[in-house]
C-alpha cells in the first residue's frame, strides 16, 4: 500500500485494515464522548476489536488475541 503524506491532504482518508483497526489520515477532528476535541493528530488507528487498553485507539492487541 502506498504511504500517504497526511500533511498534504485537505480531507481525511479512512482505511479499513483486514482484522485490524480503522486507520484515519489527513485533516480531521476527533471528538470524545464528552463532546471535547481530542489531541490533534494527522494519523491515528481506531480499535475495531475492543481488546485495546488504549480505547478508542488501537494498541495492536488484535495481533495477539485472535480478534
Protein backbone atom coordinates (compact mmCIF):
# COMPACT_ATOMS: atom_id res chain seq x y z
CA UNK A 1 0.00 0.00 0.00
CA UNK A 2 1.29 3.47 -0.91
CA UNK A 3 2.28 5.68 2.04
CA UNK A 4 0.10 8.80 2.20
CA UNK A 5 1.52 12.14 3.32
CA UNK A 6 -1.22 13.35 5.77
CA UNK A 7 0.02 16.94 5.89
CA UNK A 8 -0.74 17.28 2.16
CA UNK A 9 -4.40 16.24 2.44
CA UNK A 10 -7.30 18.67 2.77
CA UNK A 11 -9.62 15.82 3.73
CA UNK A 12 -9.50 12.56 5.69
CA UNK A 13 -8.86 9.09 4.32
CA UNK A 14 -10.14 6.10 6.32
CA UNK A 15 -8.54 2.73 5.58
CA UNK A 16 -10.09 -0.46 6.96
CA UNK A 17 -7.28 -2.89 7.77
CA UNK A 18 -8.16 -6.59 7.46
CA UNK A 19 -8.53 -7.99 11.00
CA UNK A 20 -7.23 -4.69 12.33
CA UNK A 21 -8.09 -1.09 13.07
CA UNK A 22 -9.54 1.78 11.07
CA UNK A 23 -6.62 3.99 10.07
CA UNK A 24 -7.55 7.67 9.69
CA UNK A 25 -5.17 10.07 7.93
CA UNK A 26 -5.40 13.67 6.85
CA UNK A 27 -7.32 16.68 8.06
CA UNK A 28 -9.85 15.62 10.73
CA UNK A 29 -11.01 16.27 14.30
CA UNK A 30 -11.83 13.57 16.87
CA UNK A 31 -14.49 14.40 19.48
CA UNK A 32 -14.59 12.36 22.71
CA UNK A 33 -17.70 11.03 24.48
CA UNK A 34 -17.99 14.30 26.45
CA UNK A 35 -18.02 16.40 23.26
CA UNK A 36 -14.47 17.68 23.72
CA UNK A 37 -11.97 17.86 20.90
CA UNK A 38 -9.14 15.37 21.43
CA UNK A 39 -5.47 15.97 20.69
CA UNK A 40 -4.95 16.92 17.04
CA UNK A 41 -3.19 14.24 15.00
CA UNK A 42 -2.54 13.69 11.31
CA UNK A 43 -2.87 9.90 11.59
CA UNK A 44 -4.41 7.51 14.10
CA UNK A 45 -5.74 3.96 14.34
CA UNK A 46 -9.13 3.27 15.90
CA UNK A 47 -9.70 -0.15 17.51
CA UNK A 48 -12.43 -2.35 16.00
CA UNK A 49 -11.98 -5.47 18.15
CA UNK A 50 -12.48 -3.94 21.61
CA UNK A 51 -9.32 -5.51 23.07
CA UNK A 52 -7.17 -2.36 23.16
CA UNK A 53 -6.04 -0.99 26.52
CA UNK A 54 -5.93 2.48 24.93
CA UNK A 55 -9.52 2.68 23.65
CA UNK A 56 -10.71 4.06 21.34
CA UNK A 57 -7.23 3.82 19.82
CA UNK A 58 -5.60 0.61 18.62
CA UNK A 59 -2.63 -0.70 20.62
CA UNK A 60 -2.06 -3.81 18.49
CA UNK A 61 -3.91 -6.18 20.88
CA UNK A 62 -5.74 -7.73 17.91
CA UNK A 63 -2.47 -9.30 16.77
CA UNK A 64 -2.08 -11.45 19.87
CA UNK A 65 -5.65 -12.27 20.88
CA UNK A 66 -7.06 -13.54 17.59
CA UNK A 67 -9.57 -10.73 17.02
